[in-house]
PDB file of N, CA and C in Angstrom:
ATOM      1  N   UNK A   1     -42.385  94.255 -35.445  1.00  0.00           N
ATOM      2  CA  UNK A   1     -41.830  94.981 -36.566  1.00  0.00           C
ATOM      3  C   UNK A   1     -42.617  94.631 -37.828  1.00  0.00           C
ATOM      4  N   UNK A   2     -43.026  95.625 -38.533  1.00  0.00           N
ATOM      5  CA  UNK A   2     -43.831  95.433 -39.743  1.00  0.00           C
ATOM      6  C   UNK A   2     -42.955  95.708 -40.965  1.00  0.00           C
ATOM      7  N   UNK A   3     -42.476  94.633 -41.640  1.00  0.00           N
ATOM      8  CA  UNK A   3     -41.623  94.876 -42.814  1.00  0.00           C
ATOM      9  C   UNK A   3     -42.430  95.485 -43.956  1.00  0.00           C
ATOM     10  N   UNK A   4     -41.879  96.504 -44.533  1.00  0.00           N
ATOM     11  CA  UNK A   4     -42.549  97.172 -45.638  1.00  0.00           C
ATOM     12  C   UNK A   4     -41.615  97.209 -46.840  1.00  0.00           C
ATOM     13  N   UNK A   5     -42.217  97.184 -47.992  1.00  0.00           N
ATOM     14  CA  UNK A   5     -41.447  97.304 -49.234  1.00  0.00           C
ATOM     15  C   UNK A   5     -41.423  98.782 -49.600  1.00  0.00           C
ATOM     16  N   UNK A   6     -40.232  99.303 -49.791  1.00  0.00           N
ATOM     17  CA  UNK A   6     -40.119 100.714 -50.159  1.00  0.00           C
ATOM     18  C   UNK A   6     -40.599 100.917 -51.594  1.00  0.00           C
ATOM     19  N   UNK A   7     -40.882 102.153 -51.915  1.00  0.00           N
ATOM     20  CA  UNK A   7     -41.329 102.494 -53.264  1.00  0.00           C
ATOM     21  C   UNK A   7     -40.251 102.131 -54.292  1.00  0.00           C
ATOM     22  N   UNK A   8     -38.975 102.349 -53.951  1.00  0.00           N
ATOM     23  CA  UNK A   8     -37.879 102.006 -54.868  1.00  0.00           C
ATOM     24  C   UNK A   8     -37.802 100.499 -55.085  1.00  0.00           C
ATOM     25  N   UNK A   9     -37.947  99.714 -54.012  1.00  0.00           N
ATOM     26  CA  UNK A   9     -37.924  98.253 -54.146  1.00  0.00           C
ATOM     27  C   UNK A   9     -39.072  97.764 -55.019  1.00  0.00           C
ATOM     28  N   UNK A  10     -40.243  98.325 -54.818  1.00  0.00           N
ATOM     29  CA  UNK A  10     -41.407  97.942 -55.604  1.00  0.00           C
ATOM     30  C   UNK A  10     -41.200  98.279 -57.082  1.00  0.00           C
ATOM     31  N   UNK A  11     -40.624  99.444 -57.361  1.00  0.00           N
ATOM     32  CA  UNK A  11     -40.344  99.823 -58.744  1.00  0.00           C
ATOM     33  C   UNK A  11     -39.334  98.869 -59.372  1.00  0.00           C
ATOM     34  N   UNK A  12     -38.292  98.511 -58.622  1.00  0.00           N
ATOM     35  CA  UNK A  12     -37.284  97.580 -59.133  1.00  0.00           C
ATOM     36  C   UNK A  12     -37.900  96.211 -59.424  1.00  0.00           C
ATOM     37  N   UNK A  13     -38.724  95.717 -58.528  1.00  0.00           N
ATOM     38  CA  UNK A  13     -39.397  94.434 -58.737  1.00  0.00           C
ATOM     39  C   UNK A  13     -40.264  94.490 -59.992  1.00  0.00           C
ATOM     40  N   UNK A  14     -40.994  95.564 -60.166  1.00  0.00           N
ATOM     41  CA  UNK A  14     -41.849  95.729 -61.335  1.00  0.00           C
ATOM     42  C   UNK A  14     -41.025  95.773 -62.624  1.00  0.00           C
ATOM     43  N   UNK A  15     -39.931  96.503 -62.612  1.00  0.00           N
ATOM     44  CA  UNK A  15     -39.068  96.596 -63.797  1.00  0.00           C
ATOM     45  C   UNK A  15     -38.497  95.228 -64.153  1.00  0.00           C
ATOM     46  N   UNK A  16     -38.011  94.492 -63.158  1.00  0.00           N
ATOM     47  CA  UNK A  16     -37.458  93.155 -63.405  1.00  0.00           C
ATOM     48  C   UNK A  16     -38.538  92.233 -63.967  1.00  0.00           C
ATOM     49  N   UNK A  17     -39.741  92.292 -63.406  1.00  0.00           N
ATOM     50  CA  UNK A  17     -40.838  91.451 -63.892  1.00  0.00           C
ATOM     51  C   UNK A  17     -41.192  91.774 -65.340  1.00  0.00           C
ATOM     52  N   UNK A  18     -41.237  93.042 -65.680  1.00  0.00           N
ATOM     53  CA  UNK A  18     -41.560  93.451 -67.057  1.00  0.00           C
ATOM     54  C   UNK A  18     -40.466  92.999 -68.025  1.00  0.00           C
ATOM     55  N   UNK A  19     -39.207  93.158 -67.634  1.00  0.00           N
ATOM     56  CA  UNK A  19     -38.091  92.736 -68.491  1.00  0.00           C
ATOM     57  C   UNK A  19     -38.142  91.218 -68.699  1.00  0.00           C
ATOM     58  N   UNK A  20     -38.382  90.446 -67.646  1.00  0.00           N
ATOM     59  CA  UNK A  20     -38.470  88.984 -67.776  1.00  0.00           C
ATOM     60  C   UNK A  20     -39.624  88.585 -68.692  1.00  0.00           C
ATOM     61  N   UNK A  21     -40.758  89.245 -68.542  1.00  0.00           N
ATOM     62  CA  UNK A  21     -41.905  88.962 -69.405  1.00  0.00           C
ATOM     63  C   UNK A  21     -41.588  89.289 -70.858  1.00  0.00           C
ATOM     64  N   UNK A  22     -40.941  90.415 -71.092  1.00  0.00           N
ATOM     65  CA  UNK A  22     -40.562  90.803 -72.454  1.00  0.00           C
ATOM     66  C   UNK A  22     -39.625  89.767 -73.073  1.00  0.00           C
ATOM     67  N   UNK A  23     -38.611  89.357 -72.324  1.00  0.00           N
ATOM     68  CA  UNK A  23     -37.661  88.358 -72.833  1.00  0.00           C
ATOM     69  C   UNK A  23     -38.381  87.062 -73.150  1.00  0.00           C
ATOM     70  N   UNK A  24     -39.274  86.634 -72.273  1.00  0.00           N
ATOM     71  CA  UNK A  24     -40.007  85.378 -72.483  1.00  0.00           C
ATOM     72  C   UNK A  24     -40.897  85.454 -73.716  1.00  0.00           C
ATOM     73  N   UNK A  25     -41.466  86.624 -73.999  1.00  0.00           N
ATOM     74  CA  UNK A  25     -42.329  86.766 -75.172  1.00  0.00           C
ATOM     75  C   UNK A  25     -41.529  86.854 -76.464  1.00  0.00           C
ATOM     76  N   UNK A  26     -40.393  87.531 -76.425  1.00  0.00           N
ATOM     77  CA  UNK A  26     -39.573  87.702 -77.618  1.00  0.00           C
ATOM     78  C   UNK A  26     -38.819  86.417 -77.951  1.00  0.00           C
ATOM     79  N   UNK A  27     -38.238  85.800 -76.962  1.00  0.00           N
ATOM     80  CA  UNK A  27     -37.447  84.595 -77.166  1.00  0.00           C
ATOM     81  C   UNK A  27     -37.806  83.612 -76.051  1.00  0.00           C
ATOM     82  N   UNK A  28     -38.658  82.633 -76.360  1.00  0.00           N
ATOM     83  CA  UNK A  28     -39.114  81.717 -75.319  1.00  0.00           C
ATOM     84  C   UNK A  28     -37.948  81.038 -74.603  1.00  0.00           C
ATOM     85  N   UNK A  29     -38.090  80.950 -73.287  1.00  0.00           N
ATOM     86  CA  UNK A  29     -37.072  80.289 -72.487  1.00  0.00           C
ATOM     87  C   UNK A  29     -37.678  79.066 -71.814  1.00  0.00           C
ATOM     88  N   UNK A  30     -36.830  78.103 -71.497  1.00  0.00           N
ATOM     89  CA  UNK A  30     -37.270  76.910 -70.798  1.00  0.00           C
ATOM     90  C   UNK A  30     -36.367  76.691 -69.597  1.00  0.00           C
ATOM     91  N   UNK A  31     -36.893  76.008 -68.616  1.00  0.00           N
ATOM     92  CA  UNK A  31     -36.154  75.685 -67.402  1.00  0.00           C
ATOM     93  C   UNK A  31     -36.072  74.174 -67.269  1.00  0.00           C
ATOM     94  N   UNK A  32     -34.986  73.698 -66.697  1.00  0.00           N
ATOM     95  CA  UNK A  32     -34.821  72.273 -66.438  1.00  0.00           C
ATOM     96  C   UNK A  32     -33.870  72.112 -65.257  1.00  0.00           C
ATOM     97  N   UNK A  33     -33.982  70.994 -64.584  1.00  0.00           N
ATOM     98  CA  UNK A  33     -33.062  70.679 -63.496  1.00  0.00           C
ATOM     99  C   UNK A  33     -32.030  69.707 -64.037  1.00  0.00           C
ATOM    100  N   UNK A  34     -30.762  70.046 -63.881  1.00  0.00           N
ATOM    101  CA  UNK A  34     -29.689  69.174 -64.357  1.00  0.00           C
ATOM    102  C   UNK A  34     -29.505  68.035 -63.363  1.00  0.00           C
ATOM    103  N   UNK A  35     -29.504  66.824 -63.868  1.00  0.00           N
ATOM    104  CA  UNK A  35     -29.302  65.631 -63.058  1.00  0.00           C
ATOM    105  C   UNK A  35     -27.929  65.060 -63.398  1.00  0.00           C
ATOM    106  N   UNK A  36     -27.189  64.637 -62.414  1.00  0.00           N
ATOM    107  CA  UNK A  36     -25.892  64.013 -62.654  1.00  0.00           C
ATOM    108  C   UNK A  36     -24.737  64.953 -62.419  1.00  0.00           C
ATOM    109  N   UNK A  37     -23.548  64.422 -62.656  1.00  0.00           N
ATOM    110  CA  UNK A  37     -22.313  65.139 -62.336  1.00  0.00           C
ATOM    111  C   UNK A  37     -21.471  65.480 -63.559  1.00  0.00           C
ATOM    112  N   UNK A  38     -21.967  65.223 -64.745  1.00  0.00           N
ATOM    113  CA  UNK A  38     -21.136  65.358 -65.943  1.00  0.00           C
ATOM    114  C   UNK A  38     -20.686  66.784 -66.239  1.00  0.00           C
ATOM    115  N   UNK A  39     -21.380  67.787 -65.716  1.00  0.00           N
ATOM    116  CA  UNK A  39     -21.003  69.177 -65.997  1.00  0.00           C
ATOM    117  C   UNK A  39     -20.362  69.878 -64.799  1.00  0.00           C
ATOM    118  N   UNK A  40     -20.097  69.125 -63.729  1.00  0.00           N
ATOM    119  CA  UNK A  40     -19.433  69.735 -62.569  1.00  0.00           C
ATOM    120  C   UNK A  40     -18.002  70.102 -62.911  1.00  0.00           C
ATOM    121  N   UNK A  41     -17.455  71.153 -62.397  1.00  0.00           N
ATOM    122  CA  UNK A  41     -18.023  72.065 -61.409  1.00  0.00           C
ATOM    123  C   UNK A  41     -18.807  73.230 -62.021  1.00  0.00           C
ATOM    124  N   UNK A  42     -18.884  73.291 -63.338  1.00  0.00           N
ATOM    125  CA  UNK A  42     -19.583  74.411 -63.984  1.00  0.00           C
ATOM    126  C   UNK A  42     -21.046  74.452 -63.570  1.00  0.00           C
ATOM    127  N   UNK A  43     -21.719  73.324 -63.708  1.00  0.00           N
ATOM    128  CA  UNK A  43     -23.112  73.197 -63.297  1.00  0.00           C
ATOM    129  C   UNK A  43     -23.202  71.950 -62.429  1.00  0.00           C
ATOM    130  N   UNK A  44     -23.688  72.117 -61.225  1.00  0.00           N
ATOM    131  CA  UNK A  44     -23.802  71.013 -60.273  1.00  0.00           C
ATOM    132  C   UNK A  44     -25.109  70.257 -60.494  1.00  0.00           C
ATOM    133  N   UNK A  45     -25.108  68.974 -60.151  1.00  0.00           N
ATOM    134  CA  UNK A  45     -26.346  68.211 -60.178  1.00  0.00           C
ATOM    135  C   UNK A  45     -27.373  68.872 -59.275  1.00  0.00           C
ATOM    136  N   UNK A  46     -28.578  69.042 -59.754  1.00  0.00           N
ATOM    137  CA  UNK A  46     -29.629  69.715 -59.002  1.00  0.00           C
ATOM    138  C   UNK A  46     -29.785  71.179 -59.343  1.00  0.00           C
ATOM    139  N   UNK A  47     -28.832  71.761 -60.080  1.00  0.00           N
ATOM    140  CA  UNK A  47     -28.961  73.150 -60.499  1.00  0.00           C
ATOM    141  C   UNK A  47     -30.088  73.283 -61.516  1.00  0.00           C
ATOM    142  N   UNK A  48     -30.746  74.416 -61.474  1.00  0.00           N
ATOM    143  CA  UNK A  48     -31.770  74.735 -62.471  1.00  0.00           C
ATOM    144  C   UNK A  48     -31.082  75.489 -63.602  1.00  0.00           C
ATOM    145  N   UNK A  49     -31.244  74.987 -64.827  1.00  0.00           N
ATOM    146  CA  UNK A  49     -30.664  75.672 -65.982  1.00  0.00           C
ATOM    147  C   UNK A  49     -31.775  76.354 -66.772  1.00  0.00           C
ATOM    148  N   UNK A  50     -31.407  77.444 -67.411  1.00  0.00           N
ATOM    149  CA  UNK A  50     -32.315  78.192 -68.274  1.00  0.00           C
ATOM    150  C   UNK A  50     -31.739  78.095 -69.670  1.00  0.00           C
ATOM    151  N   UNK A  51     -32.564  77.658 -70.628  1.00  0.00           N
ATOM    152  CA  UNK A  51     -32.083  77.576 -71.999  1.00  0.00           C
ATOM    153  C   UNK A  51     -33.130  78.115 -72.951  1.00  0.00           C
ATOM    154  N   UNK A  52     -32.666  78.467 -74.126  1.00  0.00           N
ATOM    155  CA  UNK A  52     -33.534  79.110 -75.100  1.00  0.00           C
ATOM    156  C   UNK A  52     -33.200  78.640 -76.498  1.00  0.00           C
ATOM    157  N   UNK A  53     -34.107  78.950 -77.423  1.00  0.00           N
ATOM    158  CA  UNK A  53     -33.811  78.676 -78.815  1.00  0.00           C
ATOM    159  C   UNK A  53     -32.573  79.471 -79.184  1.00  0.00           C
ATOM    160  N   UNK A  54     -31.925  79.078 -80.223  1.00  0.00           N
ATOM    161  CA  UNK A  54     -30.631  79.657 -80.543  1.00  0.00           C
ATOM    162  C   UNK A  54     -30.581  80.031 -82.015  1.00  0.00           C
ATOM    163  N   UNK A  55     -29.718  80.979 -82.332  1.00  0.00           N
ATOM    164  CA  UNK A  55     -29.497  81.318 -83.731  1.00  0.00           C
ATOM    165  C   UNK A  55     -28.169  80.739 -84.202  1.00  0.00           C
ATOM    166  N   UNK A  56     -27.234  80.619 -83.269  1.00  0.00           N
ATOM    167  CA  UNK A  56     -25.928  80.086 -83.622  1.00  0.00           C
ATOM    168  C   UNK A  56     -25.344  79.386 -82.401  1.00  0.00           C
ATOM    169  N   UNK A  57     -24.705  78.266 -82.649  1.00  0.00           N
ATOM    170  CA  UNK A  57     -24.021  77.543 -81.585  1.00  0.00           C
ATOM    171  C   UNK A  57     -22.536  77.537 -81.918  1.00  0.00           C
ATOM    172  N   UNK A  58     -21.720  77.852 -80.924  1.00  0.00           N
ATOM    173  CA  UNK A  58     -20.270  77.916 -81.121  1.00  0.00           C
ATOM    174  C   UNK A  58     -19.580  76.997 -80.121  1.00  0.00           C
ATOM    175  N   UNK A  59     -18.319  76.696 -80.405  1.00  0.00           N
ATOM    176  CA  UNK A  59     -17.522  75.933 -79.455  1.00  0.00           C
ATOM    177  C   UNK A  59     -17.539  76.654 -78.119  1.00  0.00           C
ATOM    178  N   UNK A  60     -17.700  75.898 -77.058  1.00  0.00           N
ATOM    179  CA  UNK A  60     -17.746  76.463 -75.720  1.00  0.00           C
ATOM    180  C   UNK A  60     -19.149  76.663 -75.187  1.00  0.00           C
ATOM    181  N   UNK A  61     -20.157  76.710 -76.079  1.00  0.00           N
ATOM    182  CA  UNK A  61     -21.542  76.841 -75.629  1.00  0.00           C
ATOM    183  C   UNK A  61     -21.995  75.555 -74.954  1.00  0.00           C
ATOM    184  N   UNK A  62     -22.867  75.688 -73.977  1.00  0.00           N
ATOM    185  CA  UNK A  62     -23.491  74.515 -73.363  1.00  0.00           C
ATOM    186  C   UNK A  62     -24.863  74.374 -74.000  1.00  0.00           C
ATOM    187  N   UNK A  63     -25.143  73.192 -74.550  1.00  0.00           N
ATOM    188  CA  UNK A  63     -26.411  72.958 -75.224  1.00  0.00           C
ATOM    189  C   UNK A  63     -27.198  71.868 -74.501  1.00  0.00           C
ATOM    190  N   UNK A  64     -28.498  71.905 -74.686  1.00  0.00           N
ATOM    191  CA  UNK A  64     -29.397  70.877 -74.186  1.00  0.00           C
ATOM    192  C   UNK A  64     -29.873  70.105 -75.421  1.00  0.00           C
ATOM    193  N   UNK A  65     -29.731  68.779 -75.376  1.00  0.00           N
ATOM    194  CA  UNK A  65     -30.072  67.963 -76.544  1.00  0.00           C
ATOM    195  C   UNK A  65     -30.577  66.594 -76.107  1.00  0.00           C
ATOM    196  N   UNK A  66     -31.200  65.897 -77.047  1.00  0.00           N
ATOM    197  CA  UNK A  66     -31.635  64.521 -76.817  1.00  0.00           C
ATOM    198  C   UNK A  66     -30.600  63.590 -77.409  1.00  0.00           C
ATOM    199  N   UNK A  67     -30.068  62.675 -76.570  1.00  0.00           N
ATOM    200  CA  UNK A  67     -29.065  61.735 -77.063  1.00  0.00           C
ATOM    201  C   UNK A  67     -29.745  60.570 -77.792  1.00  0.00           C
ATOM    202  N   UNK A  68     -28.985  59.631 -78.363  1.00  0.00           N
ATOM    203  CA  UNK A  68     -29.596  58.524 -79.112  1.00  0.00           C
ATOM    204  C   UNK A  68     -30.559  57.664 -78.287  1.00  0.00           C
ATOM    205  N   UNK A  69     -30.428  57.672 -76.963  1.00  0.00           N
ATOM    206  CA  UNK A  69     -31.359  56.934 -76.100  1.00  0.00           C
ATOM    207  C   UNK A  69     -32.570  57.779 -75.719  1.00  0.00           C
ATOM    208  N   UNK A  70     -32.714  58.952 -76.339  1.00  0.00           N
ATOM    209  CA  UNK A  70     -33.798  59.900 -76.097  1.00  0.00           C
ATOM    210  C   UNK A  70     -33.797  60.433 -74.664  1.00  0.00           C
ATOM    211  N   UNK A  71     -32.594  60.588 -74.109  1.00  0.00           N
ATOM    212  CA  UNK A  71     -32.411  61.195 -72.791  1.00  0.00           C
ATOM    213  C   UNK A  71     -31.942  62.629 -73.017  1.00  0.00           C
ATOM    214  N   UNK A  72     -32.541  63.563 -72.305  1.00  0.00           N
ATOM    215  CA  UNK A  72     -32.147  64.963 -72.436  1.00  0.00           C
ATOM    216  C   UNK A  72     -30.857  65.195 -71.654  1.00  0.00           C
ATOM    217  N   UNK A  73     -29.874  65.800 -72.331  1.00  0.00           N
ATOM    218  CA  UNK A  73     -28.534  65.987 -71.782  1.00  0.00           C
ATOM    219  C   UNK A  73     -28.126  67.446 -71.957  1.00  0.00           C
ATOM    220  N   UNK A  74     -27.309  67.955 -71.040  1.00  0.00           N
ATOM    221  CA  UNK A  74     -26.703  69.279 -71.185  1.00  0.00           C
ATOM    222  C   UNK A  74     -25.197  69.129 -71.139  1.00  0.00           C
ATOM    223  N   UNK A  75     -24.529  69.377 -72.260  1.00  0.00           N
ATOM    224  CA  UNK A  75     -23.061  69.282 -72.342  1.00  0.00           C
ATOM    225  C   UNK A  75     -22.508  70.444 -73.147  1.00  0.00           C
ATOM    226  N   UNK A  76     -21.196  70.641 -73.024  1.00  0.00           N
ATOM    227  CA  UNK A  76     -20.505  71.722 -73.719  1.00  0.00           C
ATOM    228  C   UNK A  76     -20.086  71.282 -75.122  1.00  0.00           C
ATOM    229  N   UNK A  77     -20.294  72.160 -76.100  1.00  0.00           N
ATOM    230  CA  UNK A  77     -19.855  71.897 -77.470  1.00  0.00           C
ATOM    231  C   UNK A  77     -18.339  72.056 -77.524  1.00  0.00           C
ATOM    232  N   UNK A  78     -17.650  71.001 -77.991  1.00  0.00           N
ATOM    233  CA  UNK A  78     -16.193  71.094 -78.110  1.00  0.00           C
ATOM    234  C   UNK A  78     -15.751  71.173 -79.573  1.00  0.00           C
ATOM    235  N   UNK A  79     -16.689  70.876 -80.484  1.00  0.00           N
ATOM    236  CA  UNK A  79     -16.362  70.986 -81.909  1.00  0.00           C
ATOM    237  C   UNK A  79     -17.644  71.193 -82.709  1.00  0.00           C
ATOM    238  N   UNK A  80     -17.605  72.158 -83.610  1.00  0.00           N
ATOM    239  CA  UNK A  80     -18.719  72.400 -84.532  1.00  0.00           C
ATOM    240  C   UNK A  80     -18.318  71.829 -85.878  1.00  0.00           C
ATOM    241  N   UNK A  81     -19.146  70.921 -86.418  1.00  0.00           N
ATOM    242  CA  UNK A  81     -18.912  70.338 -87.736  1.00  0.00           C
ATOM    243  C   UNK A  81     -20.026  70.779 -88.670  1.00  0.00           C
ATOM    244  N   UNK A  82     -19.849  70.530 -89.959  1.00  0.00           N
ATOM    245  CA  UNK A  82     -20.861  70.925 -90.931  1.00  0.00           C
ATOM    246  C   UNK A  82     -22.208  70.252 -90.668  1.00  0.00           C
ATOM    247  N   UNK A  83     -22.170  69.020 -90.179  1.00  0.00           N
ATOM    248  CA  UNK A  83     -23.406  68.257 -90.015  1.00  0.00           C
ATOM    249  C   UNK A  83     -23.836  68.086 -88.558  1.00  0.00           C
ATOM    250  N   UNK A  84     -23.202  68.783 -87.622  1.00  0.00           N
ATOM    251  CA  UNK A  84     -23.617  68.671 -86.231  1.00  0.00           C
ATOM    252  C   UNK A  84     -22.538  69.110 -85.255  1.00  0.00           C
ATOM    253  N   UNK A  85     -22.663  68.619 -84.032  1.00  0.00           N
ATOM    254  CA  UNK A  85     -21.787  69.055 -82.941  1.00  0.00           C
ATOM    255  C   UNK A  85     -21.222  67.856 -82.185  1.00  0.00           C
ATOM    256  N   UNK A  86     -20.012  68.024 -81.693  1.00  0.00           N
ATOM    257  CA  UNK A  86     -19.414  67.080 -80.766  1.00  0.00           C
ATOM    258  C   UNK A  86     -19.445  67.774 -79.405  1.00  0.00           C
ATOM    259  N   UNK A  87     -19.941  67.062 -78.392  1.00  0.00           N
ATOM    260  CA  UNK A  87     -20.058  67.661 -77.068  1.00  0.00           C
ATOM    261  C   UNK A  87     -19.396  66.767 -76.027  1.00  0.00           C
ATOM    262  N   UNK A  88     -19.149  67.359 -74.876  1.00  0.00           N
ATOM    263  CA  UNK A  88     -18.525  66.629 -73.782  1.00  0.00           C
ATOM    264  C   UNK A  88     -18.911  67.305 -72.475  1.00  0.00           C
ATOM    265  N   UNK A  89     -19.214  66.502 -71.479  1.00  0.00           N
ATOM    266  CA  UNK A  89     -19.443  67.043 -70.149  1.00  0.00           C
ATOM    267  C   UNK A  89     -18.130  67.554 -69.583  1.00  0.00           C
ATOM    268  N   UNK A  90     -18.159  68.663 -68.874  1.00  0.00           N
ATOM    269  CA  UNK A  90     -16.939  69.243 -68.304  1.00  0.00           C
ATOM    270  C   UNK A  90     -16.231  68.275 -67.350  1.00  0.00           C
ATOM    271  N   UNK A  91     -16.980  67.368 -66.744  1.00  0.00           N
ATOM    272  CA  UNK A  91     -16.425  66.420 -65.789  1.00  0.00           C
ATOM    273  C   UNK A  91     -16.165  65.047 -66.422  1.00  0.00           C
ATOM    274  N   UNK A  92     -16.327  64.937 -67.734  1.00  0.00           N
ATOM    275  CA  UNK A  92     -16.101  63.666 -68.436  1.00  0.00           C
ATOM    276  C   UNK A  92     -14.721  63.652 -69.071  1.00  0.00           C
ATOM    277  N   UNK A  93     -14.111  62.475 -69.105  1.00  0.00           N
ATOM    278  CA  UNK A  93     -12.783  62.337 -69.713  1.00  0.00           C
ATOM    279  C   UNK A  93     -12.838  62.323 -71.239  1.00  0.00           C
ATOM    280  N   UNK A  94     -13.955  61.853 -71.797  1.00  0.00           N
ATOM    281  CA  UNK A  94     -14.066  61.689 -73.246  1.00  0.00           C
ATOM    282  C   UNK A  94     -15.292  62.411 -73.783  1.00  0.00           C
ATOM    283  N   UNK A  95     -15.248  62.787 -75.067  1.00  0.00           N
ATOM    284  CA  UNK A  95     -16.432  63.383 -75.704  1.00  0.00           C
ATOM    285  C   UNK A  95     -17.559  62.361 -75.808  1.00  0.00           C
ATOM    286  N   UNK A  96     -18.765  62.869 -75.993  1.00  0.00           N
ATOM    287  CA  UNK A  96     -19.902  61.984 -76.241  1.00  0.00           C
ATOM    288  C   UNK A  96     -19.635  61.187 -77.514  1.00  0.00           C
ATOM    289  N   UNK A  97     -20.004  59.897 -77.552  1.00  0.00           N
ATOM    290  CA  UNK A  97     -19.649  59.036 -78.685  1.00  0.00           C
ATOM    291  C   UNK A  97     -20.589  59.132 -79.882  1.00  0.00           C
ATOM    292  N   UNK A  98     -21.240  60.264 -80.058  1.00  0.00           N
ATOM    293  CA  UNK A  98     -22.173  60.432 -81.163  1.00  0.00           C
ATOM    294  C   UNK A  98     -22.163  61.887 -81.622  1.00  0.00           C
ATOM    295  N   UNK A  99     -22.589  62.083 -82.853  1.00  0.00           N
ATOM    296  CA  UNK A  99     -22.725  63.430 -83.413  1.00  0.00           C
ATOM    297  C   UNK A  99     -24.111  63.948 -83.045  1.00  0.00           C
ATOM    298  N   UNK A 100     -24.179  65.160 -82.570  1.00  0.00           N
ATOM    299  CA  UNK A 100     -25.453  65.780 -82.213  1.00  0.00           C
ATOM    300  C   UNK A 100     -25.906  66.615 -83.397  1.00  0.00           C
ATOM    301  N   UNK A 101     -27.014  66.249 -83.995  1.00  0.00           N
ATOM    302  CA  UNK A 101     -27.514  66.986 -85.155  1.00  0.00           C
ATOM    303  C   UNK A 101     -28.526  68.043 -84.717  1.00  0.00           C
ATOM    304  N   UNK A 102     -28.798  68.984 -85.602  1.00  0.00           N
ATOM    305  CA  UNK A 102     -29.694  70.108 -85.308  1.00  0.00           C
ATOM    306  C   UNK A 102     -31.047  69.645 -84.762  1.00  0.00           C
ATOM    307  N   UNK A 103     -31.598  68.559 -85.311  1.00  0.00           N
ATOM    308  CA  UNK A 103     -32.933  68.139 -84.873  1.00  0.00           C
ATOM    309  C   UNK A 103     -32.952  67.621 -83.431  1.00  0.00           C
ATOM    310  N   UNK A 104     -31.787  67.319 -82.878  1.00  0.00           N
ATOM    311  CA  UNK A 104     -31.724  66.826 -81.503  1.00  0.00           C
ATOM    312  C   UNK A 104     -31.455  67.927 -80.475  1.00  0.00           C
ATOM    313  N   UNK A 105     -31.096  69.120 -80.951  1.00  0.00           N
ATOM    314  CA  UNK A 105     -30.775  70.223 -80.048  1.00  0.00           C
ATOM    315  C   UNK A 105     -32.062  70.914 -79.599  1.00  0.00           C
ATOM    316  N   UNK A 106     -32.230  71.014 -78.275  1.00  0.00           N
ATOM    317  CA  UNK A 106     -33.395  71.685 -77.696  1.00  0.00           C
ATOM    318  C   UNK A 106     -33.130  73.173 -77.476  1.00  0.00           C
ATOM    319  N   UNK A 107     -31.884  73.515 -77.168  1.00  0.00           N
ATOM    320  CA  UNK A 107     -31.567  74.917 -76.921  1.00  0.00           C
ATOM    321  C   UNK A 107     -30.165  75.095 -76.391  1.00  0.00           C
ATOM    322  N   UNK A 108     -29.829  76.350 -76.142  1.00  0.00           N
ATOM    323  CA  UNK A 108     -28.517  76.737 -75.623  1.00  0.00           C
ATOM    324  C   UNK A 108     -28.718  77.299 -74.219  1.00  0.00           C
ATOM    325  N   UNK A 109     -27.890  76.835 -73.276  1.00  0.00           N
ATOM    326  CA  UNK A 109     -27.998  77.291 -71.890  1.00  0.00           C
ATOM    327  C   UNK A 109     -27.559  78.743 -71.805  1.00  0.00           C
ATOM    328  N   UNK A 110     -28.399  79.555 -71.168  1.00  0.00           N
ATOM    329  CA  UNK A 110     -28.070  80.967 -71.008  1.00  0.00           C
ATOM    330  C   UNK A 110     -27.831  81.337 -69.549  1.00  0.00           C
ATOM    331  N   UNK A 111     -28.239  80.460 -68.618  1.00  0.00           N
ATOM    332  CA  UNK A 111     -28.030  80.759 -67.199  1.00  0.00           C
ATOM    333  C   UNK A 111     -28.266  79.504 -66.383  1.00  0.00           C
ATOM    334  N   UNK A 112     -27.606  79.412 -65.228  1.00  0.00           N
ATOM    335  CA  UNK A 112     -27.952  78.350 -64.296  1.00  0.00           C
ATOM    336  C   UNK A 112     -28.047  78.912 -62.890  1.00  0.00           C
ATOM    337  N   UNK A 113     -29.035  78.408 -62.167  1.00  0.00           N
ATOM    338  CA  UNK A 113     -29.263  78.802 -60.776  1.00  0.00           C
ATOM    339  C   UNK A 113     -28.717  77.701 -59.896  1.00  0.00           C
ATOM    340  N   UNK A 114     -27.773  77.999 -59.043  1.00  0.00           N
ATOM    341  CA  UNK A 114     -27.299  77.008 -58.079  1.00  0.00           C
ATOM    342  C   UNK A 114     -28.402  76.791 -57.055  1.00  0.00           C
ATOM    343  N   UNK A 115     -28.702  75.533 -56.831  1.00  0.00           N
ATOM    344  CA  UNK A 115     -29.744  75.197 -55.868  1.00  0.00           C
ATOM    345  C   UNK A 115     -29.172  74.323 -54.771  1.00  0.00           C
ATOM    346  N   UNK A 116     -29.701  74.404 -53.591  1.00  0.00           N
ATOM    347  CA  UNK A 116     -29.147  73.640 -52.458  1.00  0.00           C
ATOM    348  C   UNK A 116     -29.690  72.221 -52.370  1.00  0.00           C
ATOM    349  N   UNK A 117     -29.697  71.488 -53.472  1.00  0.00           N
ATOM    350  CA  UNK A 117     -30.194  70.087 -53.436  1.00  0.00           C
ATOM    351  C   UNK A 117     -29.079  69.160 -53.056  1.00  0.00           C
TER     352      UNK A 117
END
């Protein structure tokens, strides 16, 4: 059996590729693998997350940031303050013990791919 790609499938693949390229050029995106269990069950350890620069961060958004130990973390914003953000992992009992300022935020998560790791 010789598998063939239909003309419609090829057109769909091309359209998706062009849209992804356009999005990447207009608003750069980054990929990262989430390590740990702090965001389970929303994001599992080993999932690939997609994040991008942001114009506004609101309560409920998941952000990627560098903590005071310079470790990159992805947690949910639970409070927006004038001078930064308070975040907490969905699987954590307590909020992070530090204020996250704008200079430490790498981006806002826009998608995650579940991976079988």
